[in-house]
N, C-alpha and C. Protein backbone atom coordinates (compact mmCIF):
# COMPACT_ATOMS: atom_id res chain seq x y z
N MET A 1 77.93 51.86 175.14
CA MET A 1 77.98 50.93 176.27
C MET A 1 76.63 50.22 176.35
N VAL A 2 76.67 48.92 176.24
CA VAL A 2 75.46 48.11 176.19
C VAL A 2 74.62 48.27 177.46
N LEU A 3 75.27 48.27 178.61
CA LEU A 3 74.53 48.41 179.86
C LEU A 3 73.82 49.75 179.95
N PHE A 4 74.44 50.79 179.43
CA PHE A 4 73.79 52.10 179.45
C PHE A 4 72.56 52.13 178.54
N ARG A 5 72.67 51.49 177.39
CA ARG A 5 71.49 51.41 176.51
C ARG A 5 70.37 50.65 177.20
N ARG A 6 70.72 49.59 177.89
CA ARG A 6 69.70 48.82 178.63
C ARG A 6 69.08 49.68 179.73
N LEU A 7 69.92 50.41 180.45
CA LEU A 7 69.42 51.29 181.51
C LEU A 7 68.52 52.37 180.93
N SER A 8 68.91 52.94 179.81
CA SER A 8 68.09 53.96 179.16
C SER A 8 66.72 53.41 178.79
N ARG A 9 66.70 52.18 178.33
CA ARG A 9 65.43 51.53 177.97
C ARG A 9 64.53 51.38 179.20
N ILE A 10 65.14 51.04 180.33
CA ILE A 10 64.36 50.89 181.57
C ILE A 10 63.81 52.25 182.01
N TYR A 11 64.64 53.29 181.94
CA TYR A 11 64.14 54.65 182.25
C TYR A 11 62.97 55.01 181.35
N LEU A 12 63.07 54.65 180.07
CA LEU A 12 61.99 54.94 179.13
C LEU A 12 60.71 54.19 179.52
N LEU A 13 60.83 52.92 179.87
CA LEU A 13 59.67 52.15 180.33
C LEU A 13 59.05 52.78 181.58
N LEU A 14 59.91 53.17 182.51
CA LEU A 14 59.41 53.80 183.74
C LEU A 14 58.68 55.10 183.42
N GLU A 15 59.24 55.89 182.51
CA GLU A 15 58.60 57.15 182.12
C GLU A 15 57.23 56.90 181.48
N GLN A 16 57.13 55.89 180.63
CA GLN A 16 55.84 55.57 180.03
C GLN A 16 54.84 55.14 181.09
N CYS A 17 55.30 54.37 182.05
CA CYS A 17 54.44 53.93 183.15
C CYS A 17 53.98 55.13 183.99
N ARG A 18 54.89 56.04 184.26
CA ARG A 18 54.53 57.26 185.00
C ARG A 18 53.50 58.09 184.23
N GLN A 19 53.66 58.15 182.92
CA GLN A 19 52.71 58.91 182.10
C GLN A 19 51.33 58.26 182.08
N LEU A 20 51.31 56.95 182.10
CA LEU A 20 50.04 56.24 182.05
C LEU A 20 49.32 56.25 183.39
N TYR A 21 50.06 56.24 184.48
CA TYR A 21 49.48 56.19 185.82
C TYR A 21 49.99 57.35 186.69
N PRO A 22 49.76 58.61 186.27
CA PRO A 22 50.36 59.73 187.01
C PRO A 22 49.64 60.09 188.31
N ASN A 23 48.34 59.81 188.39
CA ASN A 23 47.58 60.21 189.57
C ASN A 23 46.29 59.40 189.66
N LYS A 24 45.58 59.58 190.77
CA LYS A 24 44.34 58.81 191.00
C LYS A 24 43.27 59.12 189.97
N GLU A 25 43.20 60.37 189.55
CA GLU A 25 42.19 60.77 188.56
C GLU A 25 42.39 60.01 187.25
N THR A 26 43.63 59.94 186.79
CA THR A 26 43.92 59.23 185.54
C THR A 26 43.69 57.73 185.71
N VAL A 27 44.08 57.18 186.84
CA VAL A 27 43.86 55.76 187.09
C VAL A 27 42.36 55.45 187.06
N SER A 28 41.55 56.33 187.64
CA SER A 28 40.09 56.15 187.60
C SER A 28 39.58 56.16 186.16
N LEU A 29 40.09 57.08 185.36
CA LEU A 29 39.70 57.15 183.96
C LEU A 29 40.08 55.86 183.22
N LEU A 30 41.30 55.37 183.46
CA LEU A 30 41.74 54.14 182.82
C LEU A 30 40.88 52.96 183.27
N ASN A 31 40.55 52.92 184.55
CA ASN A 31 39.70 51.84 185.06
C ASN A 31 38.30 51.89 184.45
N GLU A 32 37.76 53.09 184.27
CA GLU A 32 36.44 53.24 183.66
C GLU A 32 36.47 52.87 182.18
N THR A 33 37.59 53.16 181.52
CA THR A 33 37.71 52.90 180.09
C THR A 33 37.90 51.41 179.80
N ALA A 34 38.88 50.80 180.43
CA ALA A 34 39.18 49.38 180.21
C ALA A 34 40.03 48.89 181.39
N GLY A 35 39.40 48.79 182.54
CA GLY A 35 40.10 48.48 183.79
C GLY A 35 40.96 47.23 183.75
N LEU A 36 40.41 46.14 183.25
CA LEU A 36 41.17 44.89 183.21
C LEU A 36 42.41 45.04 182.33
N PHE A 37 42.21 45.62 181.15
CA PHE A 37 43.33 45.81 180.22
C PHE A 37 44.43 46.66 180.85
N PHE A 38 44.07 47.80 181.43
CA PHE A 38 45.09 48.69 181.99
C PHE A 38 45.73 48.12 183.25
N ASN A 39 45.02 47.25 183.96
CA ASN A 39 45.64 46.57 185.09
C ASN A 39 46.71 45.59 184.60
N ILE A 40 46.40 44.86 183.54
CA ILE A 40 47.38 43.93 182.96
C ILE A 40 48.58 44.69 182.41
N VAL A 41 48.32 45.81 181.74
CA VAL A 41 49.41 46.63 181.20
C VAL A 41 50.32 47.12 182.33
N GLN A 42 49.72 47.58 183.42
CA GLN A 42 50.52 48.07 184.55
C GLN A 42 51.37 46.94 185.13
N GLU A 43 50.79 45.78 185.34
CA GLU A 43 51.55 44.65 185.88
C GLU A 43 52.70 44.27 184.96
N GLN A 44 52.45 44.25 183.66
CA GLN A 44 53.49 43.87 182.70
C GLN A 44 54.61 44.91 182.64
N PHE A 45 54.23 46.18 182.65
CA PHE A 45 55.23 47.25 182.69
C PHE A 45 56.13 47.08 183.91
N MET A 46 55.51 46.96 185.08
CA MET A 46 56.28 46.90 186.32
C MET A 46 57.16 45.64 186.35
N ASP A 47 56.61 44.51 185.96
CA ASP A 47 57.43 43.29 185.96
C ASP A 47 58.60 43.40 184.98
N ALA A 48 58.37 43.98 183.82
CA ALA A 48 59.45 44.17 182.85
C ALA A 48 60.53 45.09 183.41
N ILE A 49 60.11 46.15 184.07
CA ILE A 49 61.07 47.09 184.67
C ILE A 49 61.87 46.39 185.76
N LEU A 50 61.18 45.70 186.66
CA LEU A 50 61.86 45.04 187.78
C LEU A 50 62.80 43.93 187.29
N LEU A 51 62.36 43.15 186.34
CA LEU A 51 63.20 42.08 185.82
C LEU A 51 64.42 42.64 185.11
N SER A 52 64.25 43.72 184.36
CA SER A 52 65.38 44.34 183.66
C SER A 52 66.40 44.91 184.63
N ILE A 53 65.92 45.55 185.69
CA ILE A 53 66.85 46.07 186.71
C ILE A 53 67.58 44.91 187.38
N SER A 54 66.84 43.88 187.68
CA SER A 54 67.44 42.71 188.31
C SER A 54 68.55 42.12 187.44
N ASN A 55 68.35 42.12 186.13
CA ASN A 55 69.39 41.62 185.21
C ASN A 55 70.65 42.48 185.28
N ILE A 56 70.48 43.78 185.36
CA ILE A 56 71.64 44.69 185.38
C ILE A 56 72.44 44.57 186.67
N ILE A 57 71.78 44.24 187.78
CA ILE A 57 72.49 44.15 189.07
C ILE A 57 72.82 42.72 189.45
N ASP A 58 72.54 41.77 188.59
CA ASP A 58 72.74 40.36 188.89
C ASP A 58 74.22 40.05 189.10
N LYS A 59 74.49 38.84 189.56
CA LYS A 59 75.86 38.36 189.76
C LYS A 59 76.60 38.38 188.42
N GLU A 60 77.92 38.44 188.52
CA GLU A 60 78.72 38.51 187.29
C GLU A 60 78.75 37.19 186.53
N ASP A 61 78.42 36.09 187.19
CA ASP A 61 78.28 34.84 186.44
C ASP A 61 77.24 33.95 187.11
N THR A 62 76.60 33.13 186.27
CA THR A 62 75.57 32.20 186.73
C THR A 62 75.85 30.85 186.10
N PHE A 63 76.06 29.85 186.94
CA PHE A 63 76.30 28.49 186.47
C PHE A 63 77.41 28.44 185.42
N GLY A 64 78.48 29.19 185.68
CA GLY A 64 79.63 29.18 184.79
C GLY A 64 79.52 30.06 183.56
N HIS A 65 78.41 30.75 183.40
CA HIS A 65 78.23 31.65 182.26
C HIS A 65 78.35 33.09 182.75
N ARG A 66 79.15 33.88 182.06
CA ARG A 66 79.34 35.29 182.44
C ARG A 66 78.11 36.11 182.07
N ASN A 67 77.75 37.02 182.96
CA ASN A 67 76.64 37.93 182.73
C ASN A 67 77.16 39.34 182.54
N LEU A 68 76.53 40.08 181.67
CA LEU A 68 76.89 41.47 181.48
C LEU A 68 76.06 42.30 182.46
N THR A 69 76.67 42.58 183.60
CA THR A 69 76.01 43.32 184.68
C THR A 69 76.98 44.35 185.23
N ILE A 70 76.46 45.26 186.05
CA ILE A 70 77.36 46.24 186.65
C ILE A 70 78.34 45.55 187.60
N ARG A 71 77.95 44.42 188.18
CA ARG A 71 78.82 43.73 189.13
C ARG A 71 79.99 43.04 188.44
N ALA A 72 79.98 42.97 187.12
CA ALA A 72 81.12 42.43 186.37
C ALA A 72 82.14 43.53 186.07
N LEU A 73 81.73 44.78 186.19
CA LEU A 73 82.61 45.90 185.82
C LEU A 73 83.89 46.01 186.66
N PRO A 74 83.84 45.78 187.98
CA PRO A 74 85.10 45.90 188.74
C PRO A 74 86.20 44.97 188.24
N GLN A 75 85.85 43.74 187.85
CA GLN A 75 86.87 42.80 187.36
C GLN A 75 87.44 43.23 186.02
N MET A 76 86.74 44.09 185.31
CA MET A 76 87.22 44.57 184.01
C MET A 76 88.10 45.81 184.16
N THR A 77 88.26 46.27 185.40
CA THR A 77 88.97 47.51 185.66
C THR A 77 90.37 47.21 186.21
N ALA A 78 91.39 47.65 185.48
CA ALA A 78 92.77 47.39 185.88
C ALA A 78 93.21 48.31 187.03
N ASP A 79 92.74 49.54 187.04
CA ASP A 79 93.12 50.52 188.06
C ASP A 79 92.49 50.14 189.41
N GLU A 80 93.34 49.90 190.41
CA GLU A 80 92.87 49.46 191.73
C GLU A 80 91.95 50.49 192.40
N GLU A 81 92.32 51.76 192.31
CA GLU A 81 91.51 52.80 192.94
C GLU A 81 90.13 52.89 192.28
N LEU A 82 90.11 52.84 190.97
CA LEU A 82 88.83 52.88 190.25
C LEU A 82 88.03 51.62 190.55
N ARG A 83 88.69 50.49 190.60
CA ARG A 83 87.98 49.23 190.91
C ARG A 83 87.29 49.35 192.26
N SER A 84 87.98 49.91 193.23
CA SER A 84 87.40 50.07 194.56
C SER A 84 86.18 51.00 194.53
N GLU A 85 86.29 52.11 193.80
CA GLU A 85 85.15 53.03 193.66
C GLU A 85 83.96 52.36 192.99
N VAL A 86 84.24 51.62 191.94
CA VAL A 86 83.18 50.92 191.19
C VAL A 86 82.51 49.88 192.09
N GLU A 87 83.31 49.13 192.85
CA GLU A 87 82.75 48.13 193.75
C GLU A 87 81.83 48.77 194.79
N LYS A 88 82.24 49.90 195.35
CA LYS A 88 81.40 50.59 196.34
C LYS A 88 80.08 51.04 195.73
N LEU A 89 80.15 51.60 194.53
CA LEU A 89 78.92 52.04 193.86
C LEU A 89 78.04 50.84 193.48
N CYS A 90 78.67 49.74 193.08
CA CYS A 90 77.91 48.52 192.78
C CYS A 90 77.21 47.99 194.02
N ASP A 91 77.91 48.00 195.15
CA ASP A 91 77.29 47.56 196.41
C ASP A 91 76.12 48.46 196.78
N PHE A 92 76.29 49.76 196.59
CA PHE A 92 75.21 50.71 196.88
C PHE A 92 74.01 50.44 195.97
N ALA A 93 74.28 50.23 194.68
CA ALA A 93 73.19 49.95 193.72
C ALA A 93 72.50 48.63 194.07
N LYS A 94 73.27 47.65 194.44
CA LYS A 94 72.70 46.36 194.83
C LYS A 94 71.81 46.54 196.07
N ASP A 95 72.26 47.31 197.03
CA ASP A 95 71.48 47.58 198.24
C ASP A 95 70.17 48.30 197.90
N LYS A 96 70.25 49.31 197.06
CA LYS A 96 69.06 50.08 196.69
C LYS A 96 68.10 49.28 195.81
N SER A 97 68.58 48.17 195.27
CA SER A 97 67.76 47.33 194.39
C SER A 97 67.36 46.01 195.05
N SER A 98 67.65 45.84 196.32
CA SER A 98 67.40 44.54 196.96
C SER A 98 65.92 44.15 196.92
N PHE A 99 65.03 45.11 197.06
CA PHE A 99 63.60 44.80 197.00
C PHE A 99 63.21 44.25 195.63
N ILE A 100 63.92 44.68 194.60
CA ILE A 100 63.63 44.23 193.24
C ILE A 100 64.00 42.76 193.08
N LYS A 101 65.14 42.40 193.63
CA LYS A 101 65.56 41.01 193.54
C LYS A 101 64.56 40.10 194.26
N ASP A 102 63.99 40.57 195.37
CA ASP A 102 62.96 39.79 196.07
C ASP A 102 61.74 39.56 195.17
N HIS A 103 61.33 40.60 194.45
CA HIS A 103 60.20 40.46 193.52
C HIS A 103 60.53 39.44 192.44
N ARG A 104 61.75 39.55 191.90
CA ARG A 104 62.15 38.60 190.85
C ARG A 104 62.15 37.18 191.37
N ASN A 105 62.75 36.97 192.53
CA ASN A 105 62.91 35.61 193.05
C ASN A 105 61.61 35.00 193.57
N LYS A 106 60.73 35.82 194.07
CA LYS A 106 59.50 35.28 194.68
C LYS A 106 58.33 35.16 193.72
N ARG A 107 58.23 36.09 192.73
CA ARG A 107 57.01 36.07 191.93
C ARG A 107 57.18 36.27 190.43
N ILE A 108 58.28 36.85 189.96
CA ILE A 108 58.41 37.11 188.52
C ILE A 108 59.13 35.96 187.83
N ALA A 109 60.39 35.73 188.17
CA ALA A 109 61.17 34.69 187.49
C ALA A 109 60.92 33.31 188.08
N HIS A 110 60.55 33.27 189.34
CA HIS A 110 60.29 32.00 190.02
C HIS A 110 58.93 32.09 190.69
N PHE A 111 58.30 30.97 190.87
CA PHE A 111 57.00 30.92 191.52
C PHE A 111 57.22 30.28 192.89
N ASP A 112 57.75 31.09 193.83
CA ASP A 112 58.16 30.62 195.14
C ASP A 112 56.97 30.02 195.90
N GLU A 113 57.08 28.76 196.23
CA GLU A 113 55.98 28.04 196.88
C GLU A 113 55.60 28.66 198.21
N LEU A 114 56.57 28.88 199.08
CA LEU A 114 56.29 29.43 200.39
C LEU A 114 55.63 30.81 200.28
N PHE A 115 56.15 31.63 199.39
CA PHE A 115 55.59 32.97 199.22
C PHE A 115 54.14 32.91 198.77
N HIS A 116 53.82 32.03 197.83
CA HIS A 116 52.48 31.98 197.26
C HIS A 116 51.47 31.17 198.07
N LEU A 117 51.94 30.22 198.86
CA LEU A 117 51.00 29.35 199.58
C LEU A 117 50.92 29.58 201.08
N ASP A 118 51.95 30.15 201.67
CA ASP A 118 51.96 30.36 203.12
C ASP A 118 51.43 31.75 203.45
N ILE A 119 50.29 31.79 204.11
CA ILE A 119 49.65 33.06 204.45
C ILE A 119 50.56 33.92 205.33
N ASP A 120 51.36 33.27 206.17
CA ASP A 120 52.24 34.00 207.09
C ASP A 120 53.61 34.32 206.49
N SER A 121 53.80 34.00 205.21
CA SER A 121 55.10 34.28 204.60
C SER A 121 55.31 35.79 204.48
N MET A 122 56.54 36.16 204.24
CA MET A 122 56.87 37.59 204.18
C MET A 122 56.15 38.30 203.04
N GLU A 123 55.85 39.55 203.27
CA GLU A 123 55.30 40.38 202.20
C GLU A 123 56.46 41.06 201.49
N LEU A 124 56.29 41.29 200.21
CA LEU A 124 57.33 41.97 199.45
C LEU A 124 57.24 43.47 199.66
N GLU A 125 58.39 44.10 199.68
CA GLU A 125 58.45 45.55 199.77
C GLU A 125 57.82 46.14 198.52
N LEU A 126 56.98 47.12 198.71
CA LEU A 126 56.27 47.74 197.60
C LEU A 126 57.26 48.36 196.61
N ALA A 127 57.06 48.11 195.34
CA ALA A 127 57.92 48.65 194.29
C ALA A 127 57.27 49.93 193.75
N THR A 128 57.62 51.05 194.35
CA THR A 128 57.06 52.33 193.94
C THR A 128 57.92 52.96 192.86
N PHE A 129 57.35 53.92 192.14
CA PHE A 129 58.12 54.64 191.13
C PHE A 129 59.36 55.26 191.77
N LYS A 130 59.22 55.84 192.95
CA LYS A 130 60.33 56.52 193.62
C LYS A 130 61.46 55.54 193.95
N LYS A 131 61.12 54.38 194.52
CA LYS A 131 62.14 53.39 194.87
C LYS A 131 62.84 52.86 193.62
N ILE A 132 62.07 52.65 192.57
CA ILE A 132 62.66 52.19 191.30
C ILE A 132 63.60 53.25 190.75
N GLU A 133 63.19 54.50 190.81
CA GLU A 133 64.04 55.58 190.32
C GLU A 133 65.34 55.67 191.12
N ILE A 134 65.28 55.49 192.43
CA ILE A 134 66.48 55.50 193.27
C ILE A 134 67.42 54.37 192.85
N SER A 135 66.85 53.21 192.59
CA SER A 135 67.65 52.08 192.12
C SER A 135 68.31 52.39 190.78
N LEU A 136 67.53 52.92 189.86
CA LEU A 136 68.07 53.26 188.53
C LEU A 136 69.16 54.32 188.63
N ASP A 137 68.96 55.30 189.49
CA ASP A 137 69.97 56.36 189.66
C ASP A 137 71.27 55.79 190.23
N ALA A 138 71.16 54.81 191.13
CA ALA A 138 72.36 54.18 191.69
C ALA A 138 73.11 53.39 190.60
N ILE A 139 72.37 52.72 189.75
CA ILE A 139 72.99 51.98 188.63
C ILE A 139 73.64 52.97 187.67
N TYR A 140 72.94 54.07 187.38
CA TYR A 140 73.49 55.12 186.51
C TYR A 140 74.82 55.63 187.07
N SER A 141 74.92 55.80 188.38
CA SER A 141 76.16 56.29 188.99
C SER A 141 77.34 55.37 188.69
N VAL A 142 77.10 54.06 188.73
CA VAL A 142 78.16 53.10 188.41
C VAL A 142 78.60 53.27 186.96
N LEU A 143 77.62 53.26 186.07
CA LEU A 143 77.94 53.33 184.63
C LEU A 143 78.58 54.67 184.26
N ASN A 144 78.11 55.74 184.87
CA ASN A 144 78.68 57.06 184.57
C ASN A 144 80.12 57.16 185.07
N LEU A 145 80.41 56.61 186.24
CA LEU A 145 81.78 56.63 186.75
C LEU A 145 82.72 55.89 185.79
N VAL A 146 82.33 54.70 185.38
CA VAL A 146 83.16 53.92 184.46
C VAL A 146 83.33 54.67 183.15
N SER A 147 82.25 55.24 182.64
CA SER A 147 82.33 55.98 181.39
C SER A 147 83.25 57.20 181.51
N ASN A 148 83.14 57.92 182.62
CA ASN A 148 83.99 59.09 182.85
C ASN A 148 85.46 58.73 182.93
N LYS A 149 85.75 57.73 183.75
CA LYS A 149 87.15 57.38 184.02
C LYS A 149 87.81 56.60 182.88
N CYS A 150 87.05 55.73 182.23
CA CYS A 150 87.65 54.87 181.20
C CYS A 150 87.56 55.44 179.80
N PHE A 151 86.51 56.22 179.55
CA PHE A 151 86.28 56.72 178.19
C PHE A 151 86.22 58.24 178.10
N ASN A 152 86.43 58.91 179.26
CA ASN A 152 86.38 60.37 179.31
C ASN A 152 85.07 60.89 178.71
N ASN A 153 83.99 60.25 179.09
CA ASN A 153 82.68 60.56 178.53
C ASN A 153 81.64 60.58 179.64
N HIS A 154 80.82 61.63 179.68
CA HIS A 154 79.73 61.73 180.64
C HIS A 154 78.46 61.19 179.99
N LEU A 155 77.79 60.29 180.66
CA LEU A 155 76.56 59.70 180.14
C LEU A 155 75.38 60.63 180.43
N GLU A 156 74.63 60.96 179.42
CA GLU A 156 73.48 61.86 179.56
C GLU A 156 72.19 61.06 179.59
N MET A 157 71.31 61.41 180.51
CA MET A 157 70.00 60.77 180.59
C MET A 157 68.95 61.76 180.11
N LYS A 158 68.97 62.05 178.82
CA LYS A 158 67.99 62.95 178.23
C LYS A 158 67.14 62.14 177.26
N PHE A 159 65.86 62.39 177.32
CA PHE A 159 64.96 61.69 176.42
C PHE A 159 64.21 62.68 175.55
N ILE A 160 64.08 62.32 174.33
CA ILE A 160 63.26 63.09 173.41
C ILE A 160 61.85 62.55 173.57
N ASN A 161 60.90 63.43 173.80
CA ASN A 161 59.53 62.98 173.96
C ASN A 161 58.96 62.68 172.58
N LEU A 162 59.03 61.40 172.23
CA LEU A 162 58.55 60.98 170.92
C LEU A 162 57.03 60.92 170.91
N ARG A 163 56.47 61.19 169.75
CA ARG A 163 55.01 61.08 169.61
C ARG A 163 54.60 59.63 169.80
N GLY A 164 53.41 59.49 170.31
CA GLY A 164 52.87 58.15 170.47
C GLY A 164 53.11 57.55 171.84
N GLY A 165 53.51 58.36 172.80
CA GLY A 165 53.75 57.86 174.15
C GLY A 165 52.46 57.75 174.95
N ALA A 166 52.59 57.23 176.14
CA ALA A 166 51.44 57.02 177.02
C ALA A 166 50.73 58.33 177.36
N ASP A 167 51.48 59.43 177.42
CA ASP A 167 50.84 60.71 177.74
C ASP A 167 49.83 61.11 176.66
N GLU A 168 50.10 60.77 175.42
CA GLU A 168 49.14 61.07 174.35
C GLU A 168 47.89 60.20 174.46
N LEU A 169 48.07 58.96 174.84
CA LEU A 169 46.92 58.07 175.05
C LEU A 169 46.03 58.61 176.17
N VAL A 170 46.65 58.99 177.27
CA VAL A 170 45.88 59.54 178.40
C VAL A 170 45.16 60.81 177.98
N ALA A 171 45.83 61.69 177.24
CA ALA A 171 45.19 62.93 176.78
C ALA A 171 43.98 62.63 175.89
N GLN A 172 44.12 61.66 175.00
CA GLN A 172 43.00 61.28 174.12
C GLN A 172 41.84 60.73 174.93
N LEU A 173 42.12 59.89 175.91
CA LEU A 173 41.06 59.33 176.74
C LEU A 173 40.36 60.41 177.56
N MET A 174 41.13 61.35 178.09
CA MET A 174 40.55 62.45 178.85
C MET A 174 39.66 63.31 177.96
N ASN A 175 40.14 63.58 176.77
CA ASN A 175 39.38 64.38 175.81
C ASN A 175 38.05 63.69 175.49
N ARG A 176 38.09 62.41 175.23
CA ARG A 176 36.86 61.67 174.90
C ARG A 176 35.92 61.62 176.09
N ALA A 177 36.46 61.49 177.29
CA ALA A 177 35.62 61.47 178.49
C ALA A 177 34.93 62.82 178.67
N GLN A 178 35.65 63.91 178.43
CA GLN A 178 35.06 65.25 178.53
C GLN A 178 33.97 65.45 177.48
N GLN A 179 34.23 64.99 176.26
CA GLN A 179 33.22 65.09 175.19
C GLN A 179 31.98 64.29 175.54
N ALA A 180 32.16 63.11 176.13
CA ALA A 180 31.01 62.29 176.53
C ALA A 180 30.21 62.97 177.62
N ASP A 181 30.93 63.61 178.58
CA ASP A 181 30.25 64.34 179.66
C ASP A 181 29.45 65.51 179.10
N GLU A 182 30.05 66.24 178.16
CA GLU A 182 29.37 67.40 177.56
C GLU A 182 28.16 66.97 176.73
N ALA A 183 28.25 65.82 176.08
CA ALA A 183 27.14 65.31 175.27
C ALA A 183 25.95 64.92 176.15
N LYS A 184 26.23 64.52 177.39
CA LYS A 184 25.15 64.15 178.32
C LYS A 184 24.35 65.36 178.78
N LYS A 185 24.97 66.53 178.72
CA LYS A 185 24.34 67.75 179.26
C LYS A 185 23.33 68.31 178.32
């Protein structure tokens, strides 16, 4: 299922971001090492995650072109009862992702004039790891229901911790920082 692969990729991006920015101590280390670079990396990670989620929950068509989103799934479902369940879960996922769409519309995909120039304009809801995870879990519920009912298959969200992830970078930086501290003594 293409949407599930896309969702898995977003979970992977989120996990890498969590590994790179797990706590204040690590963020301080990253800032001391290459603050500007890691700030840009964090912004790019988050924007990619938010934009990807926004794509999955987008309308089923835009300007006459069909989009592959969870909101297109109910129309693909012949069973009325299942269609109703899928629609409810899609609405829930859309609700849990509404802050993401605001980020996309105001600052990522569009450069909203009022948002950027009006000091009194609305502030965007903070996109925290927890809120993003809640959104992803709601999307997963839609895809898992369709997979269960239509293909008799349960979707698993298991990741193999491949070498070369952000956690290894952080460990290397911590190790080097400790060695530098010990060399000063």
